[in-house]
Amino acid sequence: MITKQNAVISALGGYTPDTILDNKMLEKMVDTSDEWITSRTGIKERRILSDSTLATSDMAAFAIKNLLDNSGVAPEEIECLILATSTPDHILTPTASLVCEKAGLKNAWGFDFNAACSGFLFALSTGAAFIESRRHKKVLVVGADQMSAIVNYEDRNTCVLFGDGAGAVLLEPANEGEGVIDSIFKTDGSGTQFLSVPAGGSLYPASEETIAGKKHFVHQDGKTVFKNAINGMSSTSSAIMERNNLDADAVDWIIPHQANLRIIQAVSDRLKFPIEKVKINIQKYGNTTAATIPLCLWDFKDDFKPGENIVLTAFGAGFTWGSTYLKWGTLRKAN
C-alpha cells in the first residue's frame, strides 16, 4: 500500500523586469494621480516587460534559473513543470513547452494552467498531488504573467493595477510535519462577465470589430470584483483554518493575492488577523496575476521559519478563488 506523503516548498525563485512604471509616469498617460492610485489600490509602481523580444515564457525561465541558482538543483533533475499563466506566448503552443526549453529542463514535461489570479494556488495543489502520489520527486510550479500585453493604457481603471513578473517554487517530498496540508478551492462561471478579456478566444476570434472595440484588453467591473474578492478570500481562509483547528493566533503568516491593498486589509479585518502578519508587496509590483503569491514568497523568504503555519489565499477571474494551508520547511541552499 502506498501511503501519502506531503509536498514541501524546498526552493524559491523570482523575476521582475527592470523597467519601472510609477504613478507619476501614469499621470502623464491617463487622467489619474499618484494620490488617487495610492489611496484606492496601495500601488506606487509596477514592473513592465518593455523588451519586445521577450514574453511570459522568458520571465518564467528567468525565475526558474534564479531558483536553480539559489538551490543548487540541476535543471535535469526537474521532472514536471506546471506554469500558471493567463498571458501565454501563443494561443496554441503551451508556454510551458517554451519555458522547459529556455530553462534547460530537458527531462521535464510541462503544461499550462489558467485559473487567472488563482492560478498559482490551483497549480500548487496539482503539483503537490504529483509528490503526494509519489509520481514525481521534483516538481516546479511557476506563476508568470505579462499583464502589460493585455492592458489598455488609455483605461485608467485597469492600467493602474497591473504589472509583469514571475515567481517559482520547487516541490519535493516533505519531512514529517511540513508541506502543503490542505486546500479549499471554488469557481463561479457567472463571474466571467465582470472580469475578462472579451475577445481573442474561440467565442470572439480577432476581427476588425474586436480590435476597434478594444476587446483584446482586460475589462473589469471593479466594484463587483472588489466585493467578491473580499468575500471569497476571507470565507475560504476562515474555512480552511476551521477545518484544520487553527485560530488566528496559530497562523504565523497570511499571504494574499496582491490585487488591491484595500481588499487585503478587508480580508485581514474579517479574519481578525493582525495586518503585521500579512505579507504585502503590492506597492512595488502591482497585480502580477498568477505571479503575486510566489513573488511574495520569494520577497519575504527570510521571514519564514520551518514549522510555521502559512495560509495562502487568492481570487481571480472566472471567478476562481481559494486558500491553501501549508507548514513551512527548510529551503535548499546552493553549495
C-alpha atoms as a PDB file:
ATOM      1  CA  MET A   1       0.000   0.000   0.000  1.00  0.00           C
ATOM      2  CA  ILE A   2       1.358   3.437  -0.979  1.00  0.00           C
ATOM      3  CA  THR A   3       0.966   5.944   1.834  1.00  0.00           C
ATOM      4  CA  LYS A   4       0.507   9.646   1.231  1.00  0.00           C
ATOM      5  CA  GLN A   5       3.445  11.997   1.667  1.00  0.00           C
ATOM      6  CA  ASN A   6       3.218  15.786   1.735  1.00  0.00           C
ATOM      7  CA  ALA A   7       4.915  18.129  -0.703  1.00  0.00           C
ATOM      8  CA  VAL A   8       7.075  20.907   0.715  1.00  0.00           C
ATOM      9  CA  ILE A   9       8.345  24.086  -0.910  1.00  0.00           C
ATOM     10  CA  SER A  10      12.106  23.484  -0.941  1.00  0.00           C
ATOM     11  CA  ALA A  11      13.329  26.343  -3.149  1.00  0.00           C
ATOM     12  CA  LEU A  12      12.164  29.711  -4.466  1.00  0.00           C
ATOM     13  CA  GLY A  13      12.936  31.951  -7.409  1.00  0.00           C
ATOM     14  CA  GLY A  14      11.630  35.179  -8.830  1.00  0.00           C
ATOM     15  CA  TYR A  15      11.973  37.672 -11.620  1.00  0.00           C
ATOM     16  CA  THR A  16      10.661  41.167 -12.238  1.00  0.00           C
ATOM     17  CA  PRO A  17      11.611  43.336 -15.236  1.00  0.00           C
ATOM     18  CA  ASP A  18      13.944  46.290 -14.807  1.00  0.00           C
ATOM     19  CA  THR A  19      11.569  48.868 -16.311  1.00  0.00           C
ATOM     20  CA  ILE A  20       9.523  50.648 -13.625  1.00  0.00           C
ATOM     21  CA  LEU A  21       6.202  52.353 -14.383  1.00  0.00           C
ATOM     22  CA  ASP A  22       5.380  54.514 -11.392  1.00  0.00           C
ATOM     23  CA  ASN A  23       2.300  56.558 -10.615  1.00  0.00           C
ATOM     24  CA  LYS A  24       3.878  59.835 -11.685  1.00  0.00           C
ATOM     25  CA  MET A  25       4.511  58.381 -15.126  1.00  0.00           C
ATOM     26  CA  LEU A  26       0.896  57.199 -15.342  1.00  0.00           C
ATOM     27  CA  GLU A  27      -0.259  60.739 -14.559  1.00  0.00           C
ATOM     28  CA  LYS A  28       1.149  61.722 -17.957  1.00  0.00           C
ATOM     29  CA  MET A  29      -0.642  58.864 -19.750  1.00  0.00           C
ATOM     30  CA  VAL A  30      -4.195  58.927 -18.353  1.00  0.00           C
ATOM     31  CA  ASP A  31      -6.420  61.144 -16.212  1.00  0.00           C
ATOM     32  CA  THR A  32      -5.221  59.988 -12.809  1.00  0.00           C
ATOM     33  CA  SER A  33      -2.926  60.973  -9.952  1.00  0.00           C
ATOM     34  CA  ASP A  34      -0.471  59.369  -7.572  1.00  0.00           C
ATOM     35  CA  GLU A  35      -2.812  60.201  -4.682  1.00  0.00           C
ATOM     36  CA  TRP A  36      -5.829  58.631  -6.429  1.00  0.00           C
ATOM     37  CA  ILE A  37      -3.970  55.413  -7.277  1.00  0.00           C
ATOM     38  CA  THR A  38      -2.295  55.063  -3.881  1.00  0.00           C
ATOM     39  CA  SER A  39      -5.438  55.718  -1.853  1.00  0.00           C
ATOM     40  CA  ARG A  40      -7.557  53.271  -3.854  1.00  0.00           C
ATOM     41  CA  THR A  41      -5.088  50.483  -4.566  1.00  0.00           C
ATOM     42  CA  GLY A  42      -1.941  50.867  -2.453  1.00  0.00           C
ATOM     43  CA  ILE A  43       0.191  50.635  -5.605  1.00  0.00           C
ATOM     44  CA  LYS A  44       3.107  53.030  -6.110  1.00  0.00           C
ATOM     45  CA  GLU A  45       4.844  51.361  -9.053  1.00  0.00           C
ATOM     46  CA  ARG A  46       4.790  48.259 -11.213  1.00  0.00           C
ATOM     47  CA  ARG A  47       7.362  46.459 -13.396  1.00  0.00           C
ATOM     48  CA  ILE A  48       6.880  46.303 -17.164  1.00  0.00           C
ATOM     49  CA  LEU A  49       8.492  43.905 -19.642  1.00  0.00           C
ATOM     50  CA  SER A  50       9.488  46.577 -22.129  1.00  0.00           C
ATOM     51  CA  ASP A  51      11.732  44.421 -24.361  1.00  0.00           C
ATOM     52  CA  SER A  52       9.501  43.449 -27.296  1.00  0.00           C
ATOM     53  CA  THR A  53      11.605  40.341 -27.963  1.00  0.00           C
ATOM     54  CA  LEU A  54      10.646  38.857 -24.574  1.00  0.00           C
ATOM     55  CA  ALA A  55       7.367  37.392 -23.295  1.00  0.00           C
ATOM     56  CA  THR A  56       5.827  35.408 -20.434  1.00  0.00           C
ATOM     57  CA  SER A  57       7.974  32.354 -21.182  1.00  0.00           C
ATOM     58  CA  ASP A  58      11.155  34.379 -20.714  1.00  0.00           C
ATOM     59  CA  MET A  59      10.081  35.738 -17.330  1.00  0.00           C
ATOM     60  CA  ALA A  60       9.171  32.232 -16.194  1.00  0.00           C
ATOM     61  CA  ALA A  61      12.542  30.899 -17.383  1.00  0.00           C
ATOM     62  CA  PHE A  62      14.380  33.712 -15.579  1.00  0.00           C
ATOM     63  CA  ALA A  63      12.528  32.908 -12.335  1.00  0.00           C
ATOM     64  CA  ILE A  64      13.363  29.214 -12.697  1.00  0.00           C
ATOM     65  CA  LYS A  65      17.032  29.944 -13.327  1.00  0.00           C
ATOM     66  CA  ASN A  66      17.064  32.125 -10.207  1.00  0.00           C
ATOM     67  CA  LEU A  67      15.546  29.222  -8.228  1.00  0.00           C
ATOM     68  CA  LEU A  68      18.064  26.717  -9.579  1.00  0.00           C
ATOM     69  CA  ASP A  69      20.965  29.064  -8.782  1.00  0.00           C
ATOM     70  CA  ASN A  70      19.665  29.618  -5.239  1.00  0.00           C
ATOM     71  CA  SER A  71      19.120  25.942  -4.514  1.00  0.00           C
ATOM     72  CA  GLY A  72      21.926  24.173  -6.343  1.00  0.00           C
ATOM     73  CA  VAL A  73      19.409  21.925  -8.114  1.00  0.00           C
ATOM     74  CA  ALA A  74      20.375  20.978 -11.676  1.00  0.00           C
ATOM     75  CA  PRO A  75      17.783  21.619 -14.411  1.00  0.00           C
ATOM     76  CA  GLU A  76      17.993  17.948 -15.439  1.00  0.00           C
ATOM     77  CA  GLU A  77      16.594  16.939 -12.030  1.00  0.00           C
ATOM     78  CA  ILE A  78      13.223  18.611 -12.653  1.00  0.00           C
ATOM     79  CA  GLU A  79      10.569  16.096 -13.669  1.00  0.00           C
ATOM     80  CA  CYS A  80       7.500  18.281 -14.182  1.00  0.00           C
ATOM     81  CA  LEU A  81       6.708  21.972 -14.768  1.00  0.00           C
ATOM     82  CA  ILE A  82       3.282  23.448 -14.092  1.00  0.00           C
ATOM     83  CA  LEU A  83       3.003  27.004 -15.427  1.00  0.00           C
ATOM     84  CA  ALA A  84       0.152  29.147 -14.138  1.00  0.00           C
ATOM     85  CA  THR A  85      -0.484  31.996 -16.572  1.00  0.00           C
ATOM     86  CA  SER A  86      -3.272  33.988 -18.214  1.00  0.00           C
ATOM     87  CA  THR A  87      -0.918  35.533 -20.760  1.00  0.00           C
ATOM     88  CA  PRO A  88       0.564  32.656 -22.793  1.00  0.00           C
ATOM     89  CA  ASP A  89       3.075  33.471 -25.502  1.00  0.00           C
ATOM     90  CA  HIS A  90       0.775  31.834 -28.075  1.00  0.00           C
ATOM     91  CA  ILE A  91      -2.821  30.614 -28.153  1.00  0.00           C
ATOM     92  CA  LEU A  92      -1.964  27.112 -29.348  1.00  0.00           C
ATOM     93  CA  THR A  93       1.583  26.208 -28.246  1.00  0.00           C
ATOM     94  CA  PRO A  94       1.763  25.611 -24.464  1.00  0.00           C
ATOM     95  CA  THR A  95       4.010  28.253 -22.950  1.00  0.00           C
ATOM     96  CA  ALA A  96       5.330  25.582 -20.574  1.00  0.00           C
ATOM     97  CA  SER A  97       6.960  23.892 -23.566  1.00  0.00           C
ATOM     98  CA  LEU A  98       8.896  27.061 -24.335  1.00  0.00           C
ATOM     99  CA  VAL A  99       9.834  27.502 -20.680  1.00  0.00           C
ATOM    100  CA  CYS A 100      11.214  23.968 -20.472  1.00  0.00           C
ATOM    101  CA  GLU A 101      13.399  24.714 -23.484  1.00  0.00           C
ATOM    102  CA  LYS A 102      14.579  28.131 -22.295  1.00  0.00           C
ATOM    103  CA  ALA A 103      15.294  26.952 -18.723  1.00  0.00           C
ATOM    104  CA  GLY A 104      17.083  23.784 -19.831  1.00  0.00           C
ATOM    105  CA  LEU A 105      14.547  21.409 -18.255  1.00  0.00           C
ATOM    106  CA  LYS A 106      15.481  18.549 -20.569  1.00  0.00           C
ATOM    107  CA  ASN A 107      13.879  15.787 -18.500  1.00  0.00           C
ATOM    108  CA  ALA A 108      10.664  17.580 -17.579  1.00  0.00           C
ATOM    109  CA  TRP A 109       7.228  17.504 -19.113  1.00  0.00           C
ATOM    110  CA  GLY A 110       5.116  20.601 -18.656  1.00  0.00           C
ATOM    111  CA  PHE A 111       1.715  22.146 -19.131  1.00  0.00           C
ATOM    112  CA  ASP A 112      -0.070  25.473 -18.781  1.00  0.00           C
ATOM    113  CA  PHE A 113      -2.651  26.130 -16.081  1.00  0.00           C
ATOM    114  CA  ASN A 114      -5.062  29.061 -16.390  1.00  0.00           C
ATOM    115  CA  ALA A 115      -7.099  29.992 -13.352  1.00  0.00           C
ATOM    116  CA  ALA A 116      -6.261  33.719 -13.614  1.00  0.00           C
ATOM    117  CA  CYS A 117      -5.109  35.222 -10.307  1.00  0.00           C
ATOM    118  CA  SER A 118      -5.874  31.949  -8.502  1.00  0.00           C
ATOM    119  CA  GLY A 119      -3.722  30.033 -10.969  1.00  0.00           C
ATOM    120  CA  PHE A 120      -0.669  29.642  -8.776  1.00  0.00           C
ATOM    121  CA  LEU A 121      -2.680  28.164  -5.893  1.00  0.00           C
ATOM    122  CA  PHE A 122      -4.519  25.744  -8.173  1.00  0.00           C
ATOM    123  CA  ALA A 123      -1.213  24.753  -9.788  1.00  0.00           C
ATOM    124  CA  LEU A 124       0.488  24.375  -6.396  1.00  0.00           C
ATOM    125  CA  SER A 125      -2.178  21.913  -5.276  1.00  0.00           C
ATOM    126  CA  THR A 126      -1.855  19.997  -8.546  1.00  0.00           C
ATOM    127  CA  GLY A 127       1.925  19.855  -8.228  1.00  0.00           C
ATOM    128  CA  ALA A 128       1.621  18.700  -4.633  1.00  0.00           C
ATOM    129  CA  ALA A 129      -0.596  15.839  -5.786  1.00  0.00           C
ATOM    130  CA  PHE A 130       2.223  14.531  -8.013  1.00  0.00           C
ATOM    131  CA  ILE A 131       4.514  14.474  -4.972  1.00  0.00           C
ATOM    132  CA  GLU A 132       1.864  13.012  -2.662  1.00  0.00           C
ATOM    133  CA  SER A 133       1.198  10.139  -5.074  1.00  0.00           C
ATOM    134  CA  ARG A 134       4.957   9.540  -5.440  1.00  0.00           C
ATOM    135  CA  ARG A 135       4.659  10.044  -9.208  1.00  0.00           C
ATOM    136  CA  HIS A 136       7.423  12.654  -9.107  1.00  0.00           C
ATOM    137  CA  LYS A 137      10.096  13.863  -6.665  1.00  0.00           C
ATOM    138  CA  LYS A 138      10.816  17.333  -8.063  1.00  0.00           C
ATOM    139  CA  VAL A 139       8.017  19.476  -9.483  1.00  0.00           C
ATOM    140  CA  LEU A 140       8.335  23.139 -10.441  1.00  0.00           C
ATOM    141  CA  VAL A 141       5.288  25.379 -10.043  1.00  0.00           C
ATOM    142  CA  VAL A 142       5.570  28.800 -11.670  1.00  0.00           C
ATOM    143  CA  GLY A 143       3.229  31.786 -11.768  1.00  0.00           C
ATOM    144  CA  ALA A 144       4.067  34.198 -14.592  1.00  0.00           C
ATOM    145  CA  ASP A 145       2.104  36.920 -16.345  1.00  0.00           C
ATOM    146  CA  GLN A 146       2.871  39.764 -18.723  1.00  0.00           C
ATOM    147  CA  MET A 147      -0.219  41.779 -17.938  1.00  0.00           C
ATOM    148  CA  SER A 148       1.121  44.807 -19.809  1.00  0.00           C
ATOM    149  CA  ALA A 149       0.375  42.863 -23.018  1.00  0.00           C
ATOM    150  CA  ILE A 150      -3.379  42.859 -22.331  1.00  0.00           C
ATOM    151  CA  VAL A 151      -3.861  46.173 -20.526  1.00  0.00           C
ATOM    152  CA  ASN A 152      -5.331  49.227 -22.226  1.00  0.00           C
ATOM    153  CA  TYR A 153      -3.155  52.163 -21.179  1.00  0.00           C
ATOM    154  CA  GLU A 154      -5.999  54.542 -22.046  1.00  0.00           C
ATOM    155  CA  ASP A 155      -8.247  52.969 -19.381  1.00  0.00           C
ATOM    156  CA  ARG A 156      -7.341  54.456 -16.003  1.00  0.00           C
ATOM    157  CA  ASN A 157      -9.489  51.940 -14.132  1.00  0.00           C
ATOM    158  CA  THR A 158      -7.363  48.969 -15.188  1.00  0.00           C
ATOM    159  CA  CYS A 159      -3.958  50.224 -16.349  1.00  0.00           C
ATOM    160  CA  VAL A 160      -3.007  51.420 -12.864  1.00  0.00           C
ATOM    161  CA  LEU A 161      -3.489  47.951 -11.396  1.00  0.00           C
ATOM    162  CA  PHE A 162      -1.321  45.530 -13.322  1.00  0.00           C
ATOM    163  CA  GLY A 163       2.364  44.710 -13.700  1.00  0.00           C
ATOM    164  CA  ASP A 164       4.598  41.958 -15.058  1.00  0.00           C
ATOM    165  CA  GLY A 165       6.584  39.308 -13.213  1.00  0.00           C
ATOM    166  CA  ALA A 166       7.182  35.657 -12.410  1.00  0.00           C
ATOM    167  CA  GLY A 167       7.706  33.542  -9.307  1.00  0.00           C
ATOM    168  CA  ALA A 168       8.716  29.899  -8.990  1.00  0.00           C
ATOM    169  CA  VAL A 169       8.674  27.239  -6.272  1.00  0.00           C
ATOM    170  CA  LEU A 170      10.153  23.755  -6.181  1.00  0.00           C
ATOM    171  CA  LEU A 171       8.073  20.995  -4.604  1.00  0.00           C
ATOM    172  CA  GLU A 172       9.746  17.905  -3.113  1.00  0.00           C
ATOM    173  CA  PRO A 173       8.742  15.173  -0.636  1.00  0.00           C
ATOM    174  CA  ALA A 174       8.358  16.694   2.810  1.00  0.00           C
ATOM    175  CA  ASN A 175       9.743  15.750   6.169  1.00  0.00           C
ATOM    176  CA  GLU A 176       7.122  14.833   8.738  1.00  0.00           C
ATOM    177  CA  GLY A 177       5.121  17.854   9.864  1.00  0.00           C
ATOM    178  CA  GLU A 178       5.961  20.010   6.826  1.00  0.00           C
ATOM    179  CA  GLY A 179       4.487  20.844   3.466  1.00  0.00           C
ATOM    180  CA  VAL A 180       1.156  21.525   1.785  1.00  0.00           C
ATOM    181  CA  ILE A 181      -1.523  20.324   4.196  1.00  0.00           C
ATOM    182  CA  ASP A 182      -4.903  21.327   2.795  1.00  0.00           C
ATOM    183  CA  SER A 183      -6.680  23.450   0.161  1.00  0.00           C
ATOM    184  CA  ILE A 184     -10.181  24.743  -0.484  1.00  0.00           C
ATOM    185  CA  PHE A 185     -10.975  26.000  -3.997  1.00  0.00           C
ATOM    186  CA  LYS A 186     -14.100  27.449  -5.609  1.00  0.00           C
ATOM    187  CA  THR A 187     -15.266  28.577  -9.046  1.00  0.00           C
ATOM    188  CA  ASP A 188     -18.285  30.539 -10.289  1.00  0.00           C
ATOM    189  CA  GLY A 189     -18.547  30.893 -14.055  1.00  0.00           C
ATOM    190  CA  SER A 190     -21.180  33.618 -13.790  1.00  0.00           C
ATOM    191  CA  GLY A 191     -18.369  35.934 -12.714  1.00  0.00           C
ATOM    192  CA  THR A 192     -16.847  35.866 -16.190  1.00  0.00           C
ATOM    193  CA  GLN A 193     -18.936  38.862 -17.272  1.00  0.00           C
ATOM    194  CA  PHE A 194     -17.320  41.028 -14.600  1.00  0.00           C
ATOM    195  CA  LEU A 195     -13.649  40.340 -15.338  1.00  0.00           C
ATOM    196  CA  SER A 196     -12.293  39.065 -18.644  1.00  0.00           C
ATOM    197  CA  VAL A 197     -10.565  39.770 -21.927  1.00  0.00           C
ATOM    198  CA  PRO A 198     -13.687  39.567 -24.112  1.00  0.00           C
ATOM    199  CA  ALA A 199     -12.117  38.710 -27.474  1.00  0.00           C
ATOM    200  CA  GLY A 200      -9.278  36.618 -28.835  1.00  0.00           C
ATOM    201  CA  GLY A 201     -10.667  33.216 -27.904  1.00  0.00           C
ATOM    202  CA  SER A 202     -12.932  30.854 -29.801  1.00  0.00           C
ATOM    203  CA  LEU A 203     -16.106  32.763 -28.876  1.00  0.00           C
ATOM    204  CA  TYR A 204     -14.946  36.068 -30.382  1.00  0.00           C
ATOM    205  CA  PRO A 205     -11.887  35.497 -32.590  1.00  0.00           C
ATOM    206  CA  ALA A 206      -9.822  38.532 -33.564  1.00  0.00           C
ATOM    207  CA  SER A 207     -11.531  40.733 -36.150  1.00  0.00           C
ATOM    208  CA  GLU A 208     -11.571  44.365 -37.220  1.00  0.00           C
ATOM    209  CA  GLU A 209     -14.563  44.843 -34.956  1.00  0.00           C
ATOM    210  CA  THR A 210     -12.946  43.346 -31.832  1.00  0.00           C
ATOM    211  CA  ILE A 211      -9.745  45.297 -32.401  1.00  0.00           C
ATOM    212  CA  ALA A 212     -11.575  48.582 -32.939  1.00  0.00           C
ATOM    213  CA  GLY A 213     -13.626  47.942 -29.814  1.00  0.00           C
ATOM    214  CA  LYS A 214     -10.518  47.265 -27.725  1.00  0.00           C
ATOM    215  CA  LYS A 215     -11.925  43.856 -26.810  1.00  0.00           C
ATOM    216  CA  HIS A 216      -8.473  42.273 -26.508  1.00  0.00           C
ATOM    217  CA  PHE A 217      -7.735  44.142 -23.279  1.00  0.00           C
ATOM    218  CA  VAL A 218      -8.783  43.455 -19.688  1.00  0.00           C
ATOM    219  CA  HIS A 219     -12.319  44.639 -18.904  1.00  0.00           C
ATOM    220  CA  GLN A 220     -13.387  44.771 -15.271  1.00  0.00           C
ATOM    221  CA  ASP A 221     -16.371  45.749 -13.157  1.00  0.00           C
ATOM    222  CA  GLY A 222     -14.255  46.939 -10.245  1.00  0.00           C
ATOM    223  CA  LYS A 223     -16.971  47.155  -7.590  1.00  0.00           C
ATOM    224  CA  THR A 224     -18.263  43.642  -8.216  1.00  0.00           C
ATOM    225  CA  VAL A 225     -14.775  42.151  -8.279  1.00  0.00           C
ATOM    226  CA  PHE A 226     -13.816  44.055  -5.121  1.00  0.00           C
ATOM    227  CA  LYS A 227     -16.786  42.731  -3.133  1.00  0.00           C
ATOM    228  CA  ASN A 228     -16.438  39.151  -4.343  1.00  0.00           C
ATOM    229  CA  ALA A 229     -12.678  39.100  -3.749  1.00  0.00           C
ATOM    230  CA  ILE A 230     -13.121  40.061  -0.101  1.00  0.00           C
ATOM    231  CA  ASN A 231     -15.887  37.510   0.421  1.00  0.00           C
ATOM    232  CA  GLY A 232     -14.067  34.737  -1.438  1.00  0.00           C
ATOM    233  CA  MET A 233     -10.648  35.036   0.173  1.00  0.00           C
ATOM    234  CA  SER A 234     -11.952  35.609   3.689  1.00  0.00           C
ATOM    235  CA  SER A 235     -14.518  32.775   3.552  1.00  0.00           C
ATOM    236  CA  THR A 236     -12.126  30.106   2.238  1.00  0.00           C
ATOM    237  CA  SER A 237      -9.352  31.219   4.592  1.00  0.00           C
ATOM    238  CA  SER A 238     -11.740  31.024   7.533  1.00  0.00           C
ATOM    239  CA  ALA A 239     -12.985  27.624   6.382  1.00  0.00           C
ATOM    240  CA  ILE A 240      -9.525  26.126   5.963  1.00  0.00           C
ATOM    241  CA  MET A 241      -8.443  27.418   9.367  1.00  0.00           C
ATOM    242  CA  GLU A 242     -11.521  25.916  10.992  1.00  0.00           C
ATOM    243  CA  ARG A 243     -11.077  22.593   9.167  1.00  0.00           C
ATOM    244  CA  ASN A 244      -7.504  22.354  10.465  1.00  0.00           C
ATOM    245  CA  ASN A 245      -8.268  23.579  14.002  1.00  0.00           C
ATOM    246  CA  LEU A 246      -6.348  26.824  13.577  1.00  0.00           C
ATOM    247  CA  ASP A 247      -7.279  30.141  15.129  1.00  0.00           C
ATOM    248  CA  ALA A 248      -5.705  33.468  14.204  1.00  0.00           C
ATOM    249  CA  ASP A 249      -3.027  33.063  16.881  1.00  0.00           C
ATOM    250  CA  ALA A 250      -1.931  29.712  15.419  1.00  0.00           C
ATOM    251  CA  VAL A 251      -1.376  31.126  11.916  1.00  0.00           C
ATOM    252  CA  ASP A 252       2.022  32.769  11.560  1.00  0.00           C
ATOM    253  CA  TRP A 253       1.517  34.404   8.162  1.00  0.00           C
ATOM    254  CA  ILE A 254      -1.185  35.053   5.609  1.00  0.00           C
ATOM    255  CA  ILE A 255      -0.015  35.616   2.040  1.00  0.00           C
ATOM    256  CA  PRO A 256      -2.888  37.015  -0.044  1.00  0.00           C
ATOM    257  CA  HIS A 257      -3.126  37.656  -3.752  1.00  0.00           C
ATOM    258  CA  GLN A 258      -1.884  41.209  -4.314  1.00  0.00           C
ATOM    259  CA  ALA A 259      -4.809  42.764  -6.187  1.00  0.00           C
ATOM    260  CA  ASN A 260      -5.639  45.806  -4.098  1.00  0.00           C
ATOM    261  CA  LEU A 261      -4.423  46.929  -0.679  1.00  0.00           C
ATOM    262  CA  ARG A 262      -7.961  47.705   0.456  1.00  0.00           C
ATOM    263  CA  ILE A 263      -9.034  44.150  -0.373  1.00  0.00           C
ATOM    264  CA  ILE A 264      -6.086  42.759   1.608  1.00  0.00           C
ATOM    265  CA  GLN A 265      -6.917  44.971   4.596  1.00  0.00           C
ATOM    266  CA  ALA A 266     -10.590  43.972   4.484  1.00  0.00           C
ATOM    267  CA  VAL A 267      -9.710  40.266   4.417  1.00  0.00           C
ATOM    268  CA  SER A 268      -7.357  40.780   7.366  1.00  0.00           C
ATOM    269  CA  ASP A 269     -10.124  42.547   9.292  1.00  0.00           C
ATOM    270  CA  ARG A 270     -12.715  39.827   8.614  1.00  0.00           C
ATOM    271  CA  LEU A 271     -10.304  37.129   9.781  1.00  0.00           C
ATOM    272  CA  LYS A 272      -9.403  39.231  12.847  1.00  0.00           C
ATOM    273  CA  PHE A 273      -5.806  38.741  11.786  1.00  0.00           C
ATOM    274  CA  PRO A 274      -3.158  41.432  12.525  1.00  0.00           C
ATOM    275  CA  ILE A 275      -2.053  43.208   9.373  1.00  0.00           C
ATOM    276  CA  GLU A 276       1.558  42.960  10.586  1.00  0.00           C
ATOM    277  CA  LYS A 277       1.389  39.217   9.881  1.00  0.00           C
ATOM    278  CA  VAL A 278       0.042  39.709   6.350  1.00  0.00           C
ATOM    279  CA  LYS A 279       2.696  39.832   3.634  1.00  0.00           C
ATOM    280  CA  ILE A 280       2.246  42.769   1.246  1.00  0.00           C
ATOM    281  CA  ASN A 281       4.382  43.885  -1.700  1.00  0.00           C
ATOM    282  CA  ILE A 282       1.701  45.298  -3.982  1.00  0.00           C
ATOM    283  CA  GLN A 283       3.184  48.778  -3.620  1.00  0.00           C
ATOM    284  CA  LYS A 284       6.173  47.912  -5.814  1.00  0.00           C
ATOM    285  CA  TYR A 285       4.808  45.289  -8.222  1.00  0.00           C
ATOM    286  CA  GLY A 286       1.081  45.933  -8.627  1.00  0.00           C
ATOM    287  CA  ASN A 287      -1.118  42.989  -9.570  1.00  0.00           C
ATOM    288  CA  THR A 288       1.011  40.433 -11.432  1.00  0.00           C
ATOM    289  CA  THR A 289      -1.922  37.959 -11.546  1.00  0.00           C
ATOM    290  CA  ALA A 290      -0.608  34.374 -11.129  1.00  0.00           C
ATOM    291  CA  ALA A 291       2.792  35.690 -10.022  1.00  0.00           C
ATOM    292  CA  THR A 292       1.726  37.653  -6.946  1.00  0.00           C
ATOM    293  CA  ILE A 293       1.823  34.856  -4.349  1.00  0.00           C
ATOM    294  CA  PRO A 294       5.111  33.233  -5.469  1.00  0.00           C
ATOM    295  CA  LEU A 295       6.691  36.701  -5.700  1.00  0.00           C
ATOM    296  CA  CYS A 296       5.577  37.330  -2.099  1.00  0.00           C
ATOM    297  CA  LEU A 297       7.125  34.027  -1.030  1.00  0.00           C
ATOM    298  CA  TRP A 298      10.324  34.988  -2.858  1.00  0.00           C
ATOM    299  CA  ASP A 299      10.423  38.528  -1.443  1.00  0.00           C
ATOM    300  CA  PHE A 300       9.855  37.509   2.171  1.00  0.00           C
ATOM    301  CA  LYS A 301      11.520  34.069   2.280  1.00  0.00           C
ATOM    302  CA  ASP A 302      13.937  35.124   5.026  1.00  0.00           C
ATOM    303  CA  ASP A 303      10.989  35.835   7.350  1.00  0.00           C
ATOM    304  CA  PHE A 304       9.599  32.291   7.251  1.00  0.00           C
ATOM    305  CA  LYS A 305      10.779  29.681   9.741  1.00  0.00           C
ATOM    306  CA  PRO A 306      10.453  25.871   9.499  1.00  0.00           C
ATOM    307  CA  GLY A 307       7.224  24.638  11.036  1.00  0.00           C
ATOM    308  CA  GLU A 308       5.375  27.948  10.725  1.00  0.00           C
ATOM    309  CA  ASN A 309       1.738  27.845   9.675  1.00  0.00           C
ATOM    310  CA  ILE A 310       1.055  29.822   6.493  1.00  0.00           C
ATOM    311  CA  VAL A 311      -2.225  30.456   4.698  1.00  0.00           C
ATOM    312  CA  LEU A 312      -2.156  31.439   1.023  1.00  0.00           C
ATOM    313  CA  THR A 313      -5.313  32.892  -0.495  1.00  0.00           C
ATOM    314  CA  ALA A 314      -6.313  34.248  -3.901  1.00  0.00           C
ATOM    315  CA  PHE A 315      -9.227  35.451  -6.010  1.00  0.00           C
ATOM    316  CA  GLY A 316      -9.330  35.900  -9.748  1.00  0.00           C
ATOM    317  CA  ALA A 317     -11.268  35.998 -12.994  1.00  0.00           C
ATOM    318  CA  GLY A 318     -13.559  33.115 -13.656  1.00  0.00           C
ATOM    319  CA  PHE A 319     -14.496  33.715 -10.836  1.00  0.00           C
ATOM    320  CA  THR A 320     -11.881  31.496  -9.183  1.00  0.00           C
ATOM    321  CA  TRP A 321     -10.801  31.632  -5.571  1.00  0.00           C
ATOM    322  CA  GLY A 322      -9.478  29.614  -2.675  1.00  0.00           C
ATOM    323  CA  SER A 323      -7.000  29.111   0.136  1.00  0.00           C
ATOM    324  CA  THR A 324      -4.132  26.734   0.886  1.00  0.00           C
ATOM    325  CA  TYR A 325      -2.671  25.853   4.268  1.00  0.00           C
ATOM    326  CA  LEU A 326       0.947  24.765   4.475  1.00  0.00           C
ATOM    327  CA  LYS A 327       3.686  24.279   7.035  1.00  0.00           C
ATOM    328  CA  TRP A 328       6.953  25.890   6.018  1.00  0.00           C
ATOM    329  CA  GLY A 329      10.018  23.705   5.570  1.00  0.00           C
ATOM    330  CA  THR A 330      13.751  24.267   5.167  1.00  0.00           C
ATOM    331  CA  LEU A 331      14.871  25.795   1.888  1.00  0.00           C
ATOM    332  CA  ARG A 332      17.726  24.318  -0.075  1.00  0.00           C
ATOM    333  CA  LYS A 333      20.926  26.355  -0.363  1.00  0.00           C
ATOM    334  CA  ALA A 334      23.443  26.166  -3.165  1.00  0.00           C
ATOM    335  CA  ASN A 335      26.873  24.914  -2.097  1.00  0.00           C
END
